[in-house]
Amino acid sequence: MGLYILLDIESTQGGDLKLTDSGDLKVGSTEDSQLSVINFWLRTDHGGYAPARDVGANLGSFIGENNTEEIMSEMRDQTFDTLVRNFVYPEDLQVEVVPFTYDEVLVAVETKGNYMNDDGDFVAAAPRILTYLFPFIDGEVFPT
């Protein structure tokens, strides 16, 4: 299992920043920071983040495709490959893409690993699963 030390500003699933009671930006735990960056990456298409045009899993490239086993396999591979290339050790990641309706798939991403706690020690976290419904006709990727 990988060791994860990323610390970032805490945000909601939708990307809104969280504040402390005194109004300061809240810093998330290493596990929450890792999940947040994965969430951002999966919800972003190339060109969707102005400072770096190639950021994101680019799942929007599948809009308009048919909901077939081949396309779902490509989505699974693209999601896995981009997360492993940028954030997660392969042994800490599992990605599944399954049909949800005739024009939607469910993308499930399971992560695990050892995360640094507030004391600087590494603790193995229970596996966490992020799920997304992905429409093929039009729309955007959104978490369930």
Protein backbone atom coordinates (compact mmCIF):
# COMPACT_ATOMS: atom_id res chain seq x y z
CA MET A 1 0.00 0.00 0.00
CA GLY A 2 1.08 3.51 -0.75
CA LEU A 3 1.86 6.24 1.77
CA TYR A 4 -0.15 9.41 1.18
CA ILE A 5 0.80 12.77 2.68
CA LEU A 6 -1.14 15.29 0.56
CA LEU A 7 -2.74 18.11 2.57
CA ASP A 8 -5.10 20.50 0.87
CA ILE A 9 -7.85 22.97 1.67
CA GLU A 10 -10.98 21.05 2.62
CA SER A 11 -13.89 21.28 0.21
CA THR A 12 -17.33 19.81 -0.33
CA GLN A 13 -18.02 17.10 -2.92
CA GLY A 14 -19.18 19.90 -5.23
CA GLY A 15 -15.90 21.81 -4.85
CA ASP A 16 -16.96 24.58 -2.44
CA LEU A 17 -14.28 25.55 0.10
CA LYS A 18 -14.94 24.85 3.78
CA LEU A 19 -14.20 27.40 6.49
CA THR A 20 -13.42 27.08 10.19
CA ASP A 21 -15.70 28.70 12.78
CA SER A 22 -13.37 31.72 12.77
CA GLY A 23 -13.65 32.11 8.98
CA ASP A 24 -10.23 30.72 8.01
CA LEU A 25 -9.81 28.15 5.26
CA LYS A 26 -10.07 24.65 6.70
CA VAL A 27 -7.29 22.14 5.95
CA GLY A 28 -8.48 18.59 5.31
CA SER A 29 -6.94 15.37 6.54
CA THR A 30 -4.57 13.54 4.20
CA GLU A 31 -7.30 11.00 3.39
CA ASP A 32 -9.92 13.69 2.69
CA SER A 33 -7.40 15.66 0.62
CA GLN A 34 -6.64 12.57 -1.49
CA LEU A 35 -10.35 11.88 -2.04
CA SER A 36 -10.95 15.52 -2.91
CA VAL A 37 -8.24 15.60 -5.59
CA ILE A 38 -9.55 12.34 -7.07
CA ASN A 39 -13.09 13.77 -7.11
CA PHE A 40 -11.86 16.94 -8.84
CA TRP A 41 -9.85 14.94 -11.37
CA LEU A 42 -12.75 12.65 -12.28
CA ARG A 43 -15.17 15.56 -12.71
CA THR A 44 -12.80 17.56 -14.95
CA ASP A 45 -12.35 17.24 -18.70
CA HIS A 46 -9.31 18.40 -20.65
CA GLY A 47 -9.69 22.12 -21.14
CA GLY A 48 -12.05 22.44 -18.17
CA TYR A 49 -9.37 23.77 -15.82
CA ALA A 50 -7.86 26.93 -17.31
CA PRO A 51 -4.44 26.90 -15.53
CA ALA A 52 -3.61 23.47 -17.03
CA ARG A 53 -5.51 22.35 -20.13
CA ASP A 54 -4.65 18.63 -19.77
CA VAL A 55 -5.92 18.23 -16.19
CA GLY A 56 -8.68 15.71 -15.60
CA ALA A 57 -9.81 12.21 -16.43
CA ASN A 58 -11.50 13.54 -19.59
CA LEU A 59 -14.57 11.31 -19.20
CA GLY A 60 -16.55 13.91 -21.16
CA SER A 61 -14.90 12.52 -24.27
CA PHE A 62 -17.37 9.62 -24.02
CA ILE A 63 -20.47 11.81 -24.35
CA GLY A 64 -22.34 10.76 -27.47
CA GLU A 65 -20.85 7.24 -27.49
CA ASN A 66 -23.00 4.13 -27.26
CA ASN A 67 -23.40 2.44 -23.90
CA THR A 68 -21.50 -0.73 -24.84
CA GLU A 69 -19.16 -3.10 -23.03
CA GLU A 70 -16.26 -1.84 -25.18
CA ILE A 71 -16.91 1.81 -24.28
CA MET A 72 -17.34 0.95 -20.59
CA SER A 73 -14.01 -0.91 -20.72
CA GLU A 74 -12.34 2.14 -22.28
CA MET A 75 -13.83 4.36 -19.56
CA ARG A 76 -12.58 2.00 -16.85
CA ASP A 77 -9.07 1.88 -18.37
CA GLN A 78 -8.89 5.65 -18.89
CA THR A 79 -10.05 6.33 -15.31
CA PHE A 80 -7.62 3.82 -13.81
CA ASP A 81 -4.66 4.90 -15.94
CA THR A 82 -5.04 8.63 -15.32
CA LEU A 83 -5.44 8.19 -11.54
CA VAL A 84 -2.43 5.84 -11.32
CA ARG A 85 -0.33 8.16 -13.47
CA ASN A 86 -1.12 11.15 -11.25
CA PHE A 87 -2.22 10.23 -7.70
CA VAL A 88 -2.66 6.62 -6.59
CA TYR A 89 -0.55 3.49 -6.45
CA PRO A 90 -2.11 0.76 -8.64
CA GLU A 91 -2.53 -1.62 -5.70
CA ASP A 92 -4.61 1.03 -3.88
CA LEU A 93 -7.14 1.52 -6.67
CA GLN A 94 -10.02 -0.39 -8.18
CA VAL A 95 -12.31 1.04 -10.87
CA GLU A 96 -15.58 -0.47 -12.08
CA VAL A 97 -17.86 0.87 -14.80
CA VAL A 98 -21.29 -0.77 -15.10
CA PRO A 99 -24.52 0.08 -16.95
CA PHE A 100 -27.03 1.99 -14.83
CA THR A 101 -29.72 2.82 -17.42
CA TYR A 102 -29.75 2.62 -21.20
CA ASP A 103 -27.94 5.98 -21.44
CA GLU A 104 -25.97 6.10 -18.17
CA VAL A 105 -23.17 4.17 -16.53
CA LEU A 106 -22.08 4.06 -12.91
CA VAL A 107 -18.37 4.68 -12.38
CA ALA A 108 -17.18 3.38 -8.99
CA VAL A 109 -13.69 4.15 -7.73
CA GLU A 110 -12.41 2.37 -4.62
CA THR A 111 -9.30 3.72 -2.92
CA LYS A 112 -7.27 2.53 0.03
CA GLY A 113 -3.85 3.25 1.42
CA ASN A 114 -1.90 4.50 4.41
CA TYR A 115 -2.60 8.11 5.29
CA MET A 116 -0.63 10.39 7.58
CA ASN A 117 -2.61 11.46 10.65
CA ASP A 118 -2.27 14.69 12.67
CA ASP A 119 0.54 13.12 14.74
CA GLY A 120 2.62 12.31 11.64
CA ASP A 121 1.98 8.57 11.92
CA PHE A 122 0.66 6.50 9.01
CA VAL A 123 -2.65 4.73 9.49
CA ALA A 124 -4.26 2.27 7.09
CA ALA A 125 -7.63 3.65 6.09
CA ALA A 126 -10.68 1.56 5.37
CA PRO A 127 -11.37 1.38 1.62
CA ARG A 128 -13.47 4.34 0.39
CA ILE A 129 -15.71 4.27 -2.64
CA LEU A 130 -16.56 7.28 -4.80
CA THR A 131 -19.43 6.79 -7.26
CA TYR A 132 -20.47 8.82 -10.29
CA LEU A 133 -23.35 8.60 -12.74
CA PHE A 134 -22.16 9.34 -16.23
CA PRO A 135 -24.70 10.31 -18.92
CA PHE A 136 -23.94 9.40 -22.53
CA ILE A 137 -26.49 11.68 -24.22
CA ASP A 138 -25.49 15.07 -22.80
CA GLY A 139 -24.76 16.56 -19.43
CA GLU A 140 -21.88 16.41 -17.04
CA VAL A 141 -20.32 13.90 -14.71
CA PHE A 142 -21.68 14.28 -11.20
CA PRO A 143 -21.19 12.34 -7.96
CA THR A 144 -24.04 10.23 -6.62
